[in-house]
Protein backbone atom coordinates (compact mmCIF):
# COMPACT_ATOMS: atom_id res chain seq x y z
CA UNK A 1 44.93 96.61 44.03
CA UNK A 2 44.99 96.98 40.23
CA UNK A 3 47.92 98.73 38.59
CA UNK A 4 47.18 101.18 35.78
CA UNK A 5 48.69 99.99 32.49
CA UNK A 6 49.89 103.51 31.84
CA UNK A 7 52.38 103.12 34.63
CA UNK A 8 54.31 100.68 32.48
CA UNK A 9 57.53 99.70 34.16
CA UNK A 10 57.25 102.27 36.92
CA UNK A 11 57.70 99.64 39.63
CA UNK A 12 59.49 102.01 41.99
CA UNK A 13 56.58 104.44 41.98
CA UNK A 14 54.06 101.62 42.41
CA UNK A 15 56.04 100.17 45.32
CA UNK A 16 56.06 103.56 47.04
CA UNK A 17 52.25 103.83 46.97
CA UNK A 18 51.20 100.20 47.47
CA UNK A 19 50.30 98.84 50.93
CA UNK A 20 50.92 95.36 52.16
CA UNK A 21 47.95 93.16 53.01
CA UNK A 22 48.93 93.17 56.66
CA UNK A 23 49.07 96.95 56.71
CA UNK A 24 45.72 97.19 54.94
CA UNK A 25 44.05 94.77 57.36
CA UNK A 26 45.55 96.58 60.35
CA UNK A 27 44.25 99.89 59.03
CA UNK A 28 40.76 98.40 58.46
CA UNK A 29 40.77 97.02 62.04
CA UNK A 30 41.92 100.36 63.50
CA UNK A 31 39.29 102.24 61.49
CA UNK A 32 36.50 99.92 62.62
CA UNK A 33 37.67 100.13 66.23
CA UNK A 34 37.78 103.93 66.18
CA UNK A 35 34.26 104.02 64.72
CA UNK A 36 32.79 101.45 67.14
CA UNK A 37 30.30 103.98 68.54
CA UNK A 38 28.73 104.29 65.08
CA UNK A 39 27.60 100.63 65.07
CA UNK A 40 24.45 99.38 66.84
CA UNK A 41 24.55 97.04 69.79
CA UNK A 42 21.70 94.88 68.50
CA UNK A 43 21.30 93.35 64.99
CA UNK A 44 18.31 91.38 63.64
CA UNK A 45 18.57 88.67 60.96
CA UNK A 46 18.00 85.05 60.01
CA UNK A 47 20.38 82.30 61.12
CA UNK A 48 21.96 80.02 58.50
CA UNK A 49 24.99 77.75 58.16
CA UNK A 50 25.40 77.22 61.94
CA UNK A 51 28.50 75.20 62.87
CA UNK A 52 29.20 74.28 66.49
CA UNK A 53 32.77 73.86 67.74
CA UNK A 54 34.15 73.19 71.17
CA UNK A 55 35.25 76.77 71.64
CA UNK A 56 32.18 78.39 70.01
CA UNK A 57 29.58 78.41 67.26
CA UNK A 58 29.95 79.99 63.81
CA UNK A 59 26.86 81.01 61.88
CA UNK A 60 25.74 83.37 59.13
CA UNK A 61 23.22 86.12 59.81
CA UNK A 62 21.19 86.95 56.68
CA UNK A 63 19.18 90.12 56.16
CA UNK A 64 15.47 89.28 56.52
CA UNK A 65 14.52 91.38 53.44
CA UNK A 66 17.47 90.65 51.13
CA UNK A 67 20.48 88.46 50.41
CA UNK A 68 23.10 90.45 52.38
CA UNK A 69 24.93 88.41 55.03
CA UNK A 70 27.54 88.80 57.75
CA UNK A 71 29.49 86.14 59.55
CA UNK A 72 28.99 85.69 63.30
CA UNK A 73 30.75 83.87 66.12
CA UNK A 74 29.57 83.27 69.66
CA UNK A 75 32.22 81.89 71.99
CA UNK A 76 31.35 78.97 74.23
CA UNK A 77 31.43 81.09 77.42
CA UNK A 78 28.48 83.10 76.03
CA UNK A 79 26.79 80.25 74.16
CA UNK A 80 26.46 78.27 77.39
CA UNK A 81 24.39 81.04 78.95
CA UNK A 82 21.78 81.01 76.16
CA UNK A 83 18.60 79.04 76.83
CA UNK A 84 17.97 76.85 73.82
CA UNK A 85 19.99 76.11 70.72
CA UNK A 86 21.03 78.22 67.74
CA UNK A 87 18.68 77.04 65.05
CA UNK A 88 19.12 77.59 61.33
CA UNK A 89 16.23 79.46 59.65
CA UNK A 90 15.24 81.18 62.90
CA UNK A 91 14.88 84.95 62.97
CA UNK A 92 16.86 86.30 65.90
CA UNK A 93 18.19 89.45 67.54
CA UNK A 94 21.83 89.35 68.62
CA UNK A 95 23.78 91.65 70.94
CA UNK A 96 27.21 91.94 69.37
CA UNK A 97 30.06 94.20 68.40
CA UNK A 98 31.68 94.47 64.96
CA UNK A 99 35.00 92.62 64.86
CA UNK A 100 37.59 92.43 62.07
CA UNK A 101 39.73 89.31 61.84
CA UNK A 102 43.02 90.65 60.50
CA UNK A 103 44.63 87.27 59.76
CA UNK A 104 41.80 86.29 57.44
CA UNK A 105 40.80 89.76 56.39
CA UNK A 106 37.13 89.26 57.20
CA UNK A 107 34.55 91.21 59.15
CA UNK A 108 32.28 89.40 61.60
CA UNK A 109 29.97 89.98 64.52
CA UNK A 110 31.27 88.93 67.94
CA UNK A 111 27.98 87.83 69.55
CA UNK A 112 27.44 88.23 73.30
CA UNK A 113 23.77 87.26 73.50
CA UNK A 114 21.03 85.83 71.32
CA UNK A 115 17.21 86.00 71.37
CA UNK A 116 14.58 84.65 69.03
CA UNK A 117 12.45 87.40 67.52
CA UNK A 118 9.60 86.40 69.81
CA UNK A 119 11.60 87.97 72.65
CA UNK A 120 12.37 91.18 70.80
CA UNK A 121 9.73 93.20 72.68
CA UNK A 122 11.86 93.15 75.83
CA UNK A 123 14.88 94.22 73.78
CA UNK A 124 12.91 97.13 72.37
CA UNK A 125 11.87 98.12 75.89
CA UNK A 126 15.52 98.00 76.94
CA UNK A 127 16.55 100.25 74.08
CA UNK A 128 13.72 102.67 74.87
CA UNK A 129 14.82 102.86 78.54
CA UNK A 130 18.44 103.25 77.48
CA UNK A 131 17.50 106.20 75.23
CA UNK A 132 15.40 107.79 78.00
CA UNK A 133 18.19 107.54 80.54
CA UNK A 134 20.67 108.91 78.03
CA UNK A 135 18.40 111.89 77.34
CA UNK A 136 18.25 112.59 81.08
CA UNK A 137 22.06 112.64 81.18
CA UNK A 138 22.34 109.71 83.59
CA UNK A 139 25.14 108.18 81.50
CA UNK A 140 27.15 111.43 81.32
CA UNK A 141 30.62 111.39 82.81
CA UNK A 142 30.25 114.82 84.44
CA UNK A 143 27.57 113.55 86.85
CA UNK A 144 29.64 110.64 88.11
CA UNK A 145 31.14 110.94 91.59
CA UNK A 146 34.72 109.92 92.32
CA UNK A 147 35.00 106.68 94.26
CA UNK A 148 36.91 107.22 97.56
CA UNK A 149 40.52 106.17 97.27
CA UNK A 150 40.75 105.10 100.93
CA UNK A 151 37.30 104.05 102.18
CA UNK A 152 36.91 102.89 105.76
CA UNK A 153 33.54 101.16 105.29
CA UNK A 154 32.20 99.71 102.02
CA UNK A 155 28.57 98.66 101.65
CA UNK A 156 28.07 95.62 99.39
CA UNK A 157 24.66 94.87 97.90
CA UNK A 158 24.65 91.25 96.73
CA UNK A 159 23.34 87.80 97.53
CA UNK A 160 24.61 86.58 100.88
CA UNK A 161 24.87 83.04 99.50
CA UNK A 162 26.41 83.71 96.10
CA UNK A 163 30.03 83.38 95.04
CA UNK A 164 30.17 87.12 94.25
CA UNK A 165 30.20 87.89 97.98
CA UNK A 166 33.29 85.76 98.60
CA UNK A 167 35.02 86.92 95.41
CA UNK A 168 34.60 90.56 96.37
CA UNK A 169 35.63 90.05 100.00
CA UNK A 170 38.74 88.09 99.01
CA UNK A 171 39.80 90.76 96.51
CA UNK A 172 39.02 93.68 98.84
CA UNK A 173 40.73 92.25 101.93
CA UNK A 174 43.64 91.05 99.83
CA UNK A 175 44.29 94.68 98.88
CA UNK A 176 43.10 96.53 102.00
CA UNK A 177 42.96 94.22 105.05
CA UNK A 178 41.77 96.96 107.37
CA UNK A 179 38.68 98.06 105.41
CA UNK A 180 35.25 97.30 106.91
CA UNK A 181 32.81 95.43 104.65
CA UNK A 182 29.11 95.81 105.43
CA UNK A 183 26.90 93.44 103.44
CA UNK A 184 23.32 94.29 102.53
CA UNK A 185 21.70 91.04 101.42
CA UNK A 186 19.46 91.10 98.35
CA UNK A 187 17.86 88.74 95.87
CA UNK A 188 19.77 89.15 92.59
CA UNK A 189 17.51 87.22 90.17
CA UNK A 190 13.90 86.22 89.83
CA UNK A 191 10.58 87.97 90.43
CA UNK A 192 11.58 89.40 93.85
CA UNK A 193 14.95 90.72 92.71
CA UNK A 194 13.88 94.25 91.77
CA UNK A 195 12.24 95.30 95.11
CA UNK A 196 14.93 93.46 97.07
CA UNK A 197 17.76 95.24 95.21
CA UNK A 198 16.09 98.67 95.46
CA UNK A 199 15.56 98.28 99.22
CA UNK A 200 19.13 97.15 99.85
CA UNK A 201 20.61 99.96 97.71
CA UNK A 202 18.56 102.62 99.51
CA UNK A 203 19.43 101.16 102.93
CA UNK A 204 23.15 101.31 102.10
CA UNK A 205 22.84 104.86 100.76
CA UNK A 206 21.14 106.03 103.97
CA UNK A 207 23.82 104.53 106.25
CA UNK A 208 26.11 107.46 107.32
CA UNK A 209 29.01 105.09 107.98
CA UNK A 210 29.17 103.82 104.39
CA UNK A 211 31.80 105.53 102.20
CA UNK A 212 30.98 103.71 98.94
CA UNK A 213 28.43 101.19 97.68
CA UNK A 214 29.20 98.11 95.55
CA UNK A 215 26.35 96.35 93.71
CA UNK A 216 27.50 93.04 92.31
CA UNK A 217 26.63 89.46 91.33
CA UNK A 218 28.29 86.70 89.33
CA UNK A 219 27.68 85.73 85.73
CA UNK A 220 24.65 84.08 84.21
CA UNK A 221 22.28 84.11 81.28
CA UNK A 222 20.82 87.43 80.20
CA UNK A 223 17.47 86.41 81.68
CA UNK A 224 19.02 85.99 85.11
CA UNK A 225 20.83 89.34 84.83
CA UNK A 226 17.81 91.20 83.50
CA UNK A 227 16.77 92.65 86.88
CA UNK A 228 19.79 94.97 86.65
CA UNK A 229 18.24 96.48 83.51
CA UNK A 230 14.93 97.17 85.25
CA UNK A 231 14.19 100.90 85.64
CA UNK A 232 13.62 100.94 89.47
CA UNK A 233 17.00 99.31 90.09
CA UNK A 234 18.78 101.52 87.57
CA UNK A 235 17.24 104.71 89.00
CA UNK A 236 17.96 103.64 92.59
CA UNK A 237 21.64 103.38 91.68
CA UNK A 238 21.57 106.68 89.78
CA UNK A 239 19.93 108.45 92.77
CA UNK A 240 22.56 107.34 95.29
CA UNK A 241 24.33 110.16 97.14
CA UNK A 242 27.07 107.70 98.04
CA UNK A 243 29.58 106.83 95.26
CA UNK A 244 28.64 103.53 93.57
CA UNK A 245 30.52 100.68 91.90
CA UNK A 246 28.52 98.12 89.88
CA UNK A 247 29.89 94.80 88.64
CA UNK A 248 27.37 92.43 87.04
CA UNK A 249 28.25 89.09 85.44
CA UNK A 250 31.41 88.64 83.46
CA UNK A 251 33.55 90.79 81.18
CA UNK A 252 31.16 91.14 78.26
CA UNK A 253 27.91 91.33 80.20
CA UNK A 254 26.50 94.83 80.06
CA UNK A 255 23.59 96.24 82.06
CA UNK A 256 22.07 99.67 82.47
CA UNK A 257 22.96 99.56 86.16
CA UNK A 258 26.62 99.57 85.19
CA UNK A 259 26.06 102.46 82.79
CA UNK A 260 24.58 104.77 85.47
CA UNK A 261 27.03 103.76 88.20
CA UNK A 262 29.87 106.09 89.15
CA UNK A 263 32.29 103.27 88.35
CA UNK A 264 31.77 99.96 86.54
CA UNK A 265 33.76 96.75 87.01
CA UNK A 266 33.66 93.63 84.87
CA UNK A 267 33.49 91.06 87.71
CA UNK A 268 32.94 90.97 91.50
CA UNK A 269 36.68 90.41 91.90
CA UNK A 270 37.42 93.46 89.77
CA UNK A 271 34.90 95.41 91.86
CA UNK A 272 37.01 94.60 94.93
CA UNK A 273 40.02 96.04 93.08
CA UNK A 274 38.16 99.17 91.97
CA UNK A 275 36.63 99.88 95.39
CA UNK A 276 39.77 99.47 97.51
CA UNK A 277 43.33 100.78 97.47
CA UNK A 278 46.23 98.38 97.04
CA UNK A 279 47.79 98.91 100.44
CA UNK A 280 50.92 97.01 99.44
CA UNK A 281 51.39 99.41 96.55
CA UNK A 282 50.55 102.29 98.89
CA UNK A 283 53.13 101.05 101.38
CA UNK A 284 55.66 100.66 98.57
CA UNK A 285 54.85 104.20 97.46
CA UNK A 286 55.18 105.41 101.04
CA UNK A 287 58.54 103.65 101.37
CA UNK A 288 59.66 105.11 98.04
CA UNK A 289 58.38 108.50 99.13
CA UNK A 290 60.22 108.15 102.44
CA UNK A 291 63.40 107.32 100.55
CA UNK A 292 62.84 110.30 98.28
CA UNK A 293 62.16 112.47 101.31
CA UNK A 294 65.26 111.17 103.07
CA UNK A 295 67.33 111.72 99.94
CA UNK A 296 65.82 115.16 99.41
CA UNK A 297 66.18 115.97 103.10
CA UNK A 298 69.81 114.85 103.07
CA UNK A 299 70.42 116.92 99.95
CA UNK A 300 68.65 119.92 101.46
CA UNK A 301 70.48 119.53 104.78
CA UNK A 302 73.79 119.14 102.93
CA UNK A 303 73.06 122.21 100.85
CA UNK A 304 71.96 124.14 103.93
CA UNK A 305 75.04 123.02 105.86
CA UNK A 306 77.26 123.96 102.94
CA UNK A 307 75.55 127.33 102.73
CA UNK A 308 75.87 127.81 106.51
CA UNK A 309 79.52 126.74 106.35
CA UNK A 310 80.15 129.28 103.61
CA UNK A 311 78.36 131.93 105.63
CA UNK A 312 80.39 131.01 108.73
CA UNK A 313 83.62 131.07 106.73
CA UNK A 314 82.68 134.45 105.28
CA UNK A 315 81.74 135.66 108.74
CA UNK A 316 85.09 134.44 110.14
CA UNK A 317 86.93 136.23 107.33
CA UNK A 318 84.89 139.36 108.04
CA UNK A 319 85.59 139.06 111.78
CA UNK A 320 89.29 138.57 111.12
CA UNK A 321 89.29 141.61 108.87
CA UNK A 322 87.43 143.56 111.52
CA UNK A 323 89.95 142.34 114.13
CA UNK A 324 92.83 143.40 111.89
CA UNK A 325 91.19 146.77 111.38
CA UNK A 326 90.64 147.06 115.12
CA UNK A 327 94.25 146.17 115.85
CA UNK A 328 95.35 148.74 113.28
CA UNK A 329 93.09 151.32 114.89
CA UNK A 330 94.46 150.40 118.34
CA UNK A 331 98.03 150.74 117.01
CA UNK A 332 97.14 154.11 115.46
CA UNK A 333 95.59 155.16 118.75
CA UNK A 334 98.72 154.03 120.63
CA UNK A 335 100.93 155.93 118.19
CA UNK A 336 98.72 158.96 118.51
CA UNK A 337 98.77 158.67 122.28
CA UNK A 338 102.57 158.45 122.23
CA UNK A 339 102.74 161.50 119.99
CA UNK A 340 100.34 163.32 122.29
CA UNK A 341 102.43 162.33 125.31
CA UNK A 342 105.58 163.53 123.58
CA UNK A 343 104.00 166.80 122.51
CA UNK A 344 102.43 167.21 125.95
CA UNK A 345 105.72 166.54 127.65
CA UNK A 346 107.46 169.02 125.33
CA UNK A 347 104.77 171.67 125.79
CA UNK A 348 104.65 171.07 129.55
CA UNK A 349 108.42 171.30 129.88
CA UNK A 350 108.47 174.52 127.86
CA UNK A 351 105.58 175.96 129.86
CA UNK A 352 107.20 174.90 133.11
CA UNK A 353 110.50 176.44 132.05
CA UNK A 354 108.66 179.60 131.13
CA UNK A 355 106.76 179.53 134.41
CA UNK A 356 110.00 178.88 136.28
CA UNK A 357 111.58 181.90 134.55
CA UNK A 358 108.57 184.07 135.31
CA UNK A 359 108.48 182.85 138.92
CA UNK A 360 112.19 183.43 139.24
CA UNK A 361 111.81 186.93 137.81
CA UNK A 362 108.88 187.53 140.12
CA UNK A 363 110.84 186.28 143.10
CA UNK A 364 113.73 188.51 142.18
CA UNK A 365 111.34 191.42 141.86
CA UNK A 366 109.78 190.58 145.21
CA UNK A 367 113.17 190.22 146.83
CA UNK A 368 114.26 193.52 145.37
CA UNK A 369 111.05 195.11 146.49
CA UNK A 370 111.52 193.57 149.91
CA UNK A 371 115.06 194.80 150.12
CA UNK A 372 113.96 198.23 148.98
CA UNK A 373 111.12 198.19 151.47
CA UNK A 374 113.49 197.03 154.18
CA UNK A 375 115.84 199.91 153.44
CA UNK A 376 112.93 202.28 153.30
CA UNK A 377 111.58 200.86 156.53
CA UNK A 378 114.98 201.23 158.19
CA UNK A 379 115.20 204.79 156.98
CA UNK A 380 111.62 205.37 158.09
CA UNK A 381 112.35 203.86 161.45
CA UNK A 382 115.36 206.13 161.75
CA UNK A 383 113.28 209.07 160.78
CA UNK A 384 110.56 208.00 163.15
CA UNK A 385 113.08 207.57 165.91
CA UNK A 386 114.41 211.06 165.19
CA UNK A 387 110.88 212.40 165.03
CA UNK A 388 110.05 210.64 168.24
CA UNK A 389 113.07 212.20 169.89
CA UNK A 390 112.23 215.59 168.48
CA UNK A 391 108.61 215.15 169.47
CA UNK A 392 109.58 214.00 172.88
CA UNK A 393 111.83 216.95 173.20
CA UNK A 394 109.29 219.27 171.69
CA UNK A 395 106.61 217.73 173.82
CA UNK A 396 108.63 218.04 176.92
CA UNK A 397 109.49 221.59 176.06
CA UNK A 398 105.95 222.44 175.08
CA UNK A 399 104.42 220.62 177.99
CA UNK A 400 106.83 222.09 180.34
CA UNK A 401 106.12 225.50 178.87
CA UNK A 402 102.41 224.96 178.90
CA UNK A 403 102.46 223.40 182.31
CA UNK A 404 104.56 226.31 183.59
CA UNK A 405 102.18 228.73 182.01
CA UNK A 406 99.25 226.88 183.45
CA UNK A 407 100.86 226.68 186.81
CA UNK A 408 101.43 230.35 186.69
CA UNK A 409 97.90 230.98 185.61
CA UNK A 410 96.66 228.60 188.26
CA UNK A 411 98.77 230.28 190.81
CA UNK A 412 97.42 233.57 189.74
CA UNK A 413 94.00 232.16 189.74
CA UNK A 414 94.42 230.84 193.19
CA UNK A 415 95.61 234.12 194.19
CA UNK A 416 92.65 235.71 192.53
CA UNK A 417 90.34 233.19 194.08
CA UNK A 418 91.77 233.68 197.45
CA UNK A 419 91.19 237.30 197.13
CA UNK A 420 87.73 236.81 195.69
CA UNK A 421 84.79 236.69 197.90
CA UNK A 422 83.28 233.93 195.85
CA UNK A 423 85.69 231.14 196.68
CA UNK A 424 83.42 228.41 195.41
CA UNK A 425 83.21 229.82 191.91
CA UNK A 426 86.95 230.08 191.75
CA UNK A 427 87.32 226.45 192.65
CA UNK A 428 84.89 225.41 189.97
CA UNK A 429 86.80 227.37 187.38
CA UNK A 430 90.00 225.77 188.49
CA UNK A 431 88.49 222.34 187.99
CA UNK A 432 87.32 223.29 184.53
CA UNK A 433 90.78 224.47 183.71
CA UNK A 434 92.21 221.19 184.90
CA UNK A 435 89.79 219.32 182.62
CA UNK A 436 90.78 221.49 179.69
CA UNK A 437 94.43 220.80 180.40
CA UNK A 438 93.80 217.10 180.49
CA UNK A 439 91.89 217.23 177.18
CA UNK A 440 94.60 219.20 175.51
CA UNK A 441 97.16 216.81 176.81
CA UNK A 442 95.19 213.85 175.38
CA UNK A 443 94.83 215.51 171.99
CA UNK A 444 98.53 216.21 171.94
CA UNK A 445 99.33 212.59 172.69
CA UNK A 446 96.88 211.42 170.00
CA UNK A 447 98.43 213.67 167.40
CA UNK A 448 101.87 212.36 168.26
CA UNK A 449 100.68 208.78 167.88
CA UNK A 450 99.03 209.45 164.52
CA UNK A 451 102.08 211.16 163.18
CA UNK A 452 104.27 208.33 164.35
CA UNK A 453 102.18 205.79 162.39
CA UNK A 454 102.32 207.88 159.23
CA UNK A 455 98.66 208.86 159.20
CA UNK A 456 99.55 212.55 159.43
């Protein structure tokens, strides 16, 4: 960076605004990385200055219509997959990503594949299919299904004789020993690969026992992997109702089948990791969760017991208070009862004394009345006795007088009867007179009796 002469000796200000080379290179690398989607996947140019090393080949790619150049590197792992050599002066198409080498401060293309221009027609067809699929939304994230976290049966579409089969099985069973793996054999390269792959994918998708489908094969040259860019295979994967995982080749191999899959993995081994749960980690999580549950349960139980203990203690205090109140009420009731007994005894004694006085007065009155009545009765009896004597005397005198008079009358009557010629009539009259005498005598006796009893 040039420093303006007008700054003069303003070193402090210059130091505050100047970046170090390392910081500048880091910023350039971060900027390029953040803008990676702005760069094309394929670049065309002419090869020059090719230098082969054990770990890779460096070459310069020159613009076919001008003098502009960019440095390229293809690492040996990718170079070995290319059929033929990298030849200077040859016009080629490379599949690469833009890379910035911070230590040297240079930009280069990190090449993954390489074709002479004579093969560019297939590359153009690939780009056309990629654009068509993108327009249909088959690469969109919102159409991708989640891969089951705990599948019970995984369908694997791959070659039954390739190393990918064993790599996937070893990874899957190493993580989830109990999962069922159902293999659907298919040809994964060559002229028969496309129909074989489509048939196996559809067979796996139609199996109701399959929870997820894995389509995989090992690495190879782009020509051998090209069947996974063919439209029938790509659309068969995109049409699957069962969640799909696709792992083709190695880390930097990219196919359209991986783009449309619900989940992509870089290798068959990685596909086994993506498609299965790590049961050891799950068990560790379960153990940790159990410990957390036990700790939480113990804490909850302790808190609940403490709360219950406090409630019991409060209840005991309340019961004791209630008992004290009850005892106080019982004592008040006893005191009240004692007061009532005392008042009752006092009132009863007073009432009894009063009743005794009244009874005594009544008895005295009765005795006095009885004495008075006895005196009166004695006097009455004396009077009655005198009356009886007088009556007897009067009765005797009267009866004697009446009887004498009657006798005289009877005697005269007899005399008259005797002298009468009708003797029978005289006798009847005498009997009537006798009856009259008897009646008079009875009435006299009755009157005496009534007078004696005090009726008259």
